[in-house]
C-alpha atoms as a PDB file:
ATOM      1  CA  MET A   1      46.582  20.692 -15.573  1.00  0.00           C
ATOM      2  CA  THR A   2      44.712  19.982 -12.351  1.00  0.00           C
ATOM      3  CA  ASP A   3      41.304  18.356 -12.400  1.00  0.00           C
ATOM      4  CA  GLY A   4      38.946  20.679 -10.496  1.00  0.00           C
ATOM      5  CA  LYS A   5      36.744  17.768  -9.404  1.00  0.00           C
ATOM      6  CA  MET A   6      39.213  16.994  -6.672  1.00  0.00           C
ATOM      7  CA  PHE A   7      38.303  20.337  -5.032  1.00  0.00           C
ATOM      8  CA  PHE A   8      34.569  20.490  -5.714  1.00  0.00           C
ATOM      9  CA  LYS A   9      31.370  18.500  -5.285  1.00  0.00           C
ATOM     10  CA  LYS A  10      28.857  18.606  -8.112  1.00  0.00           C
ATOM     11  CA  MET A  11      25.500  19.810  -6.797  1.00  0.00           C
ATOM     12  CA  ASN A  12      21.938  19.966  -8.017  1.00  0.00           C
ATOM     13  CA  LEU A  13      21.176  23.455  -9.181  1.00  0.00           C
ATOM     14  CA  SER A  14      17.930  23.345  -7.261  1.00  0.00           C
ATOM     15  CA  ASP A  15      20.038  23.208  -4.065  1.00  0.00           C
ATOM     16  CA  LEU A  16      21.747  26.536  -4.777  1.00  0.00           C
ATOM     17  CA  GLN A  17      20.989  28.806  -1.824  1.00  0.00           C
ATOM     18  CA  CYS A  18      22.198  32.340  -2.371  1.00  0.00           C
ATOM     19  CA  ASN A  19      21.304  35.974  -2.664  1.00  0.00           C
ATOM     20  CA  PRO A  20      22.258  36.796  -6.276  1.00  0.00           C
ATOM     21  CA  PHE A  21      22.367  40.521  -5.513  1.00  0.00           C
ATOM     22  CA  ASP A  22      25.084  39.933  -2.915  1.00  0.00           C
ATOM     23  CA  MET A  23      26.794  37.084  -4.755  1.00  0.00           C
ATOM     24  CA  ILE A  24      27.112  39.013  -8.042  1.00  0.00           C
ATOM     25  CA  GLY A  25      26.984  42.664  -7.113  1.00  0.00           C
ATOM     26  CA  LYS A  26      28.741  42.838  -3.760  1.00  0.00           C
ATOM     27  CA  THR A  27      31.041  39.829  -3.536  1.00  0.00           C
ATOM     28  CA  TRP A  28      31.883  39.809  -7.267  1.00  0.00           C
ATOM     29  CA  TYR A  29      32.960  36.802  -9.349  1.00  0.00           C
ATOM     30  CA  LEU A  30      35.524  35.793 -11.905  1.00  0.00           C
ATOM     31  CA  LEU A  31      34.264  35.321 -15.443  1.00  0.00           C
ATOM     32  CA  THR A  32      36.637  32.890 -17.163  1.00  0.00           C
ATOM     33  CA  SER A  33      36.836  31.122 -20.485  1.00  0.00           C
ATOM     34  CA  GLY A  34      39.419  28.843 -22.115  1.00  0.00           C
ATOM     35  CA  THR A  35      41.550  25.921 -20.962  1.00  0.00           C
ATOM     36  CA  PRO A  36      43.989  26.106 -18.066  1.00  0.00           C
ATOM     37  CA  GLU A  37      46.793  26.362 -20.618  1.00  0.00           C
ATOM     38  CA  ASP A  38      45.136  29.214 -22.534  1.00  0.00           C
ATOM     39  CA  TYR A  39      42.434  31.164 -20.727  1.00  0.00           C
ATOM     40  CA  ASN A  40      41.632  34.575 -19.405  1.00  0.00           C
ATOM     41  CA  THR A  41      39.650  35.716 -16.433  1.00  0.00           C
ATOM     42  CA  MET A  42      38.187  39.012 -15.353  1.00  0.00           C
ATOM     43  CA  THR A  43      36.365  40.250 -12.314  1.00  0.00           C
ATOM     44  CA  ALA A  44      32.718  41.052 -12.841  1.00  0.00           C
ATOM     45  CA  SER A  45      30.032  42.558 -10.641  1.00  0.00           C
ATOM     46  CA  TRP A  46      27.166  42.742 -13.121  1.00  0.00           C
ATOM     47  CA  GLY A  47      25.052  39.804 -14.127  1.00  0.00           C
ATOM     48  CA  ALA A  48      21.874  37.865 -13.503  1.00  0.00           C
ATOM     49  CA  MET A  49      20.666  34.341 -12.869  1.00  0.00           C
ATOM     50  CA  GLY A  50      17.319  32.857 -13.802  1.00  0.00           C
ATOM     51  CA  GLU A  51      15.338  30.901 -16.304  1.00  0.00           C
ATOM     52  CA  MET A  52      15.696  31.591 -20.025  1.00  0.00           C
ATOM     53  CA  TRP A  53      14.536  29.568 -22.991  1.00  0.00           C
ATOM     54  CA  GLY A  54      13.560  26.641 -20.784  1.00  0.00           C
ATOM     55  CA  ALA A  55      16.932  26.334 -19.051  1.00  0.00           C
ATOM     56  CA  PRO A  56      18.701  27.687 -15.985  1.00  0.00           C
ATOM     57  CA  SER A  57      20.777  30.626 -17.230  1.00  0.00           C
ATOM     58  CA  PHE A  58      23.505  32.994 -16.225  1.00  0.00           C
ATOM     59  CA  HIS A  59      23.730  36.432 -17.882  1.00  0.00           C
ATOM     60  CA  CYS A  60      26.908  38.481 -17.940  1.00  0.00           C
ATOM     61  CA  VAL A  61      28.280  41.471 -19.802  1.00  0.00           C
ATOM     62  CA  VAL A  62      31.788  42.217 -21.040  1.00  0.00           C
ATOM     63  CA  ARG A  63      33.036  45.546 -22.359  1.00  0.00           C
ATOM     64  CA  THR A  64      34.406  45.402 -25.893  1.00  0.00           C
ATOM     65  CA  ASN A  65      37.864  46.529 -24.741  1.00  0.00           C
ATOM     66  CA  ARG A  66      38.344  43.599 -22.314  1.00  0.00           C
ATOM     67  CA  TYR A  67      40.848  40.902 -23.193  1.00  0.00           C
ATOM     68  CA  THR A  68      38.462  38.236 -21.831  1.00  0.00           C
ATOM     69  CA  LEU A  69      35.998  39.014 -24.655  1.00  0.00           C
ATOM     70  CA  ASN A  70      38.246  37.204 -27.154  1.00  0.00           C
ATOM     71  CA  TYR A  71      38.124  34.079 -25.004  1.00  0.00           C
ATOM     72  CA  LEU A  72      34.372  34.185 -24.603  1.00  0.00           C
ATOM     73  CA  ASP A  73      34.050  34.602 -28.401  1.00  0.00           C
ATOM     74  CA  GLN A  74      36.370  31.669 -29.144  1.00  0.00           C
ATOM     75  CA  ASN A  75      35.021  29.125 -26.630  1.00  0.00           C
ATOM     76  CA  GLU A  76      31.672  27.506 -26.128  1.00  0.00           C
ATOM     77  CA  LEU A  77      31.962  27.339 -22.344  1.00  0.00           C
ATOM     78  CA  PHE A  78      32.643  29.793 -19.572  1.00  0.00           C
ATOM     79  CA  SER A  79      32.643  29.715 -15.797  1.00  0.00           C
ATOM     80  CA  ALA A  80      31.301  32.101 -13.204  1.00  0.00           C
ATOM     81  CA  THR A  81      33.447  31.516 -10.159  1.00  0.00           C
ATOM     82  CA  PHE A  82      32.466  32.861  -6.705  1.00  0.00           C
ATOM     83  CA  PHE A  83      34.777  33.196  -3.703  1.00  0.00           C
ATOM     84  CA  ASP A  84      34.623  33.800   0.008  1.00  0.00           C
ATOM     85  CA  PRO A  85      35.087  37.486   1.054  1.00  0.00           C
ATOM     86  CA  GLY A  86      38.748  36.978   1.910  1.00  0.00           C
ATOM     87  CA  TYR A  87      39.546  36.712  -1.812  1.00  0.00           C
ATOM     88  CA  LYS A  88      38.378  40.247  -2.548  1.00  0.00           C
ATOM     89  CA  PRO A  89      41.995  41.526  -2.995  1.00  0.00           C
ATOM     90  CA  ALA A  90      42.625  38.814  -5.642  1.00  0.00           C
ATOM     91  CA  LEU A  91      39.420  39.750  -7.425  1.00  0.00           C
ATOM     92  CA  GLN A  92      40.359  43.425  -7.190  1.00  0.00           C
ATOM     93  CA  PHE A  93      43.674  42.626  -8.890  1.00  0.00           C
ATOM     94  CA  CYS A  94      41.984  40.525 -11.604  1.00  0.00           C
ATOM     95  CA  GLY A  95      39.629  43.440 -12.292  1.00  0.00           C
ATOM     96  CA  THR A  96      42.325  46.070 -12.595  1.00  0.00           C
ATOM     97  CA  HIS A  97      44.977  44.197 -14.607  1.00  0.00           C
ATOM     98  CA  SER A  98      44.829  42.717 -18.083  1.00  0.00           C
ATOM     99  CA  GLY A  99      45.695  39.113 -18.895  1.00  0.00           C
ATOM    100  CA  LYS A 100      47.547  40.534 -21.920  1.00  0.00           C
ATOM    101  CA  ASP A 101      50.099  42.063 -19.538  1.00  0.00           C
ATOM    102  CA  CYS A 102      50.447  39.581 -16.657  1.00  0.00           C
ATOM    103  CA  ASP A 103      49.571  36.114 -15.361  1.00  0.00           C
ATOM    104  CA  LYS A 104      46.742  36.957 -12.968  1.00  0.00           C
ATOM    105  CA  ALA A 105      46.764  33.537 -11.308  1.00  0.00           C
ATOM    106  CA  GLN A 106      50.464  33.715 -10.616  1.00  0.00           C
ATOM    107  CA  ARG A 107      50.200  37.253  -9.264  1.00  0.00           C
ATOM    108  CA  THR A 108      47.203  36.441  -6.983  1.00  0.00           C
ATOM    109  CA  GLY A 109      48.019  32.843  -5.984  1.00  0.00           C
ATOM    110  CA  LEU A 110      44.825  31.538  -7.567  1.00  0.00           C
ATOM    111  CA  GLN A 111      45.180  27.970  -8.945  1.00  0.00           C
ATOM    112  CA  PRO A 112      43.511  27.411 -12.302  1.00  0.00           C
ATOM    113  CA  VAL A 113      41.743  24.072 -12.648  1.00  0.00           C
ATOM    114  CA  LEU A 114      39.844  22.294 -15.415  1.00  0.00           C
ATOM    115  CA  LEU A 115      36.181  21.802 -14.581  1.00  0.00           C
ATOM    116  CA  GLU A 116      33.719  20.419 -17.130  1.00  0.00           C
ATOM    117  CA  GLY A 117      35.910  21.543 -20.065  1.00  0.00           C
ATOM    118  CA  THR A 118      36.658  25.106 -18.990  1.00  0.00           C
ATOM    119  CA  THR A 119      38.740  26.921 -16.396  1.00  0.00           C
ATOM    120  CA  SER A 120      37.874  27.777 -12.843  1.00  0.00           C
ATOM    121  CA  PHE A 121      39.947  28.172  -9.687  1.00  0.00           C
ATOM    122  CA  ALA A 122      40.665  25.730  -6.868  1.00  0.00           C
ATOM    123  CA  GLN A 123      40.023  28.309  -4.117  1.00  0.00           C
ATOM    124  CA  ALA A 124      36.466  29.040  -5.238  1.00  0.00           C
ATOM    125  CA  ARG A 125      33.466  28.631  -2.954  1.00  0.00           C
ATOM    126  CA  ARG A 126      31.094  27.853  -5.825  1.00  0.00           C
ATOM    127  CA  VAL A 127      31.278  27.573  -9.588  1.00  0.00           C
ATOM    128  CA  LEU A 128      28.706  27.702 -12.352  1.00  0.00           C
ATOM    129  CA  ILE A 129      29.757  26.125 -15.667  1.00  0.00           C
ATOM    130  CA  CYS A 130      27.875  27.665 -18.570  1.00  0.00           C
ATOM    131  CA  ARG A 131      27.444  27.045 -22.293  1.00  0.00           C
ATOM    132  CA  LYS A 132      26.948  30.145 -24.457  1.00  0.00           C
ATOM    133  CA  ARG A 133      23.507  30.338 -25.974  1.00  0.00           C
ATOM    134  CA  TYR A 134      23.255  33.993 -27.021  1.00  0.00           C
ATOM    135  CA  THR A 135      25.322  37.088 -27.395  1.00  0.00           C
ATOM    136  CA  ALA A 136      24.473  40.632 -28.494  1.00  0.00           C
ATOM    137  CA  MET A 137      25.819  44.141 -28.169  1.00  0.00           C
ATOM    138  CA  LEU A 138      23.937  46.534 -25.936  1.00  0.00           C
ATOM    139  CA  GLN A 139      22.700  49.371 -28.137  1.00  0.00           C
ATOM    140  CA  PRO A 140      22.512  53.088 -27.208  1.00  0.00           C
ATOM    141  CA  GLU A 141      18.988  53.316 -28.589  1.00  0.00           C
ATOM    142  CA  GLY A 142      17.823  50.602 -26.223  1.00  0.00           C
ATOM    143  CA  PHE A 143      18.327  52.800 -23.153  1.00  0.00           C
ATOM    144  CA  LEU A 144      15.066  54.309 -21.994  1.00  0.00           C
ATOM    145  CA  GLU A 145      16.875  56.667 -19.622  1.00  0.00           C
ATOM    146  CA  PRO A 146      19.533  58.756 -21.331  1.00  0.00           C
ATOM    147  CA  GLU A 147      21.240  59.450 -17.986  1.00  0.00           C
ATOM    148  CA  THR A 148      21.849  55.691 -17.518  1.00  0.00           C
ATOM    149  CA  TYR A 149      23.537  55.453 -20.886  1.00  0.00           C
ATOM    150  CA  GLU A 150      25.604  58.579 -20.229  1.00  0.00           C
ATOM    151  CA  LYS A 151      26.685  57.434 -16.757  1.00  0.00           C
ATOM    152  CA  TRP A 152      27.875  54.007 -17.818  1.00  0.00           C
ATOM    153  CA  TYR A 153      28.870  54.533 -21.483  1.00  0.00           C
ATOM    154  CA  GLY A 154      29.495  58.227 -21.961  1.00  0.00           C
ATOM    155  CA  LYS A 155      33.255  57.662 -21.642  1.00  0.00           C
ATOM    156  CA  ASP A 156      33.552  53.858 -21.661  1.00  0.00           C
ATOM    157  CA  PRO A 157      33.020  51.168 -24.309  1.00  0.00           C
ATOM    158  CA  MET A 158      29.722  49.352 -24.569  1.00  0.00           C
ATOM    159  CA  HIS A 159      29.111  45.888 -23.141  1.00  0.00           C
ATOM    160  CA  ARG A 160      28.307  42.746 -25.029  1.00  0.00           C
ATOM    161  CA  GLU A 161      25.828  40.496 -23.242  1.00  0.00           C
ATOM    162  CA  PHE A 162      26.214  36.740 -22.973  1.00  0.00           C
ATOM    163  CA  VAL A 163      23.493  34.336 -21.907  1.00  0.00           C
ATOM    164  CA  GLY A 164      24.764  30.954 -20.876  1.00  0.00           C
ATOM    165  CA  GLU A 165      22.867  27.838 -19.977  1.00  0.00           C
ATOM    166  CA  VAL A 166      24.079  26.626 -16.561  1.00  0.00           C
ATOM    167  CA  LEU A 167      25.303  23.100 -17.233  1.00  0.00           C
ATOM    168  CA  ALA A 168      26.772  22.364 -13.802  1.00  0.00           C
ATOM    169  CA  TYR A 169      27.004  23.801 -10.309  1.00  0.00           C
ATOM    170  CA  TYR A 170      29.864  22.970  -7.952  1.00  0.00           C
ATOM    171  CA  GLU A 171      30.532  23.767  -4.284  1.00  0.00           C
ATOM    172  CA  ARG A 172      33.950  23.554  -2.677  1.00  0.00           C
ATOM    173  CA  MET A 173      34.459  20.457  -0.572  1.00  0.00           C
ATOM    174  CA  HIS A 174      35.283  21.246   3.043  1.00  0.00           C
END
């Protein structure tokens, strides 16, 4: 198991300079939970960052049929790992293949590392380490626009939301 601190510098969260709409929605990220010996990761492009319950928070959603959901349920910590654009093919692979069926890191060349008690990847540009604070299923009756529900859940399983307190923020050392 490789210690991720040899690849990253711990930063103050107040120094994070980013456009979350690009960072989450366009560049994507890997949502990962577990130890480097037993973890799963998935590509995500939905989420939010902000203040919740007096703490910096990261919000993400996971469909109920995703293998990663089991890892998020079983572990207190998760990472949101962001990459430079050149890693888009690796993220594409991690979003279209299940960790039940293959070793995503081996297939993509990503190197899992231990960072603050959970798994991230050595090639990342930045990493948020989060502690779960809340989880709940999205509910059909909560949608105020039926067309939104139908578009995203008419044929696909619902998402479960996770709100994590951001415990640490790391940037890759150059």
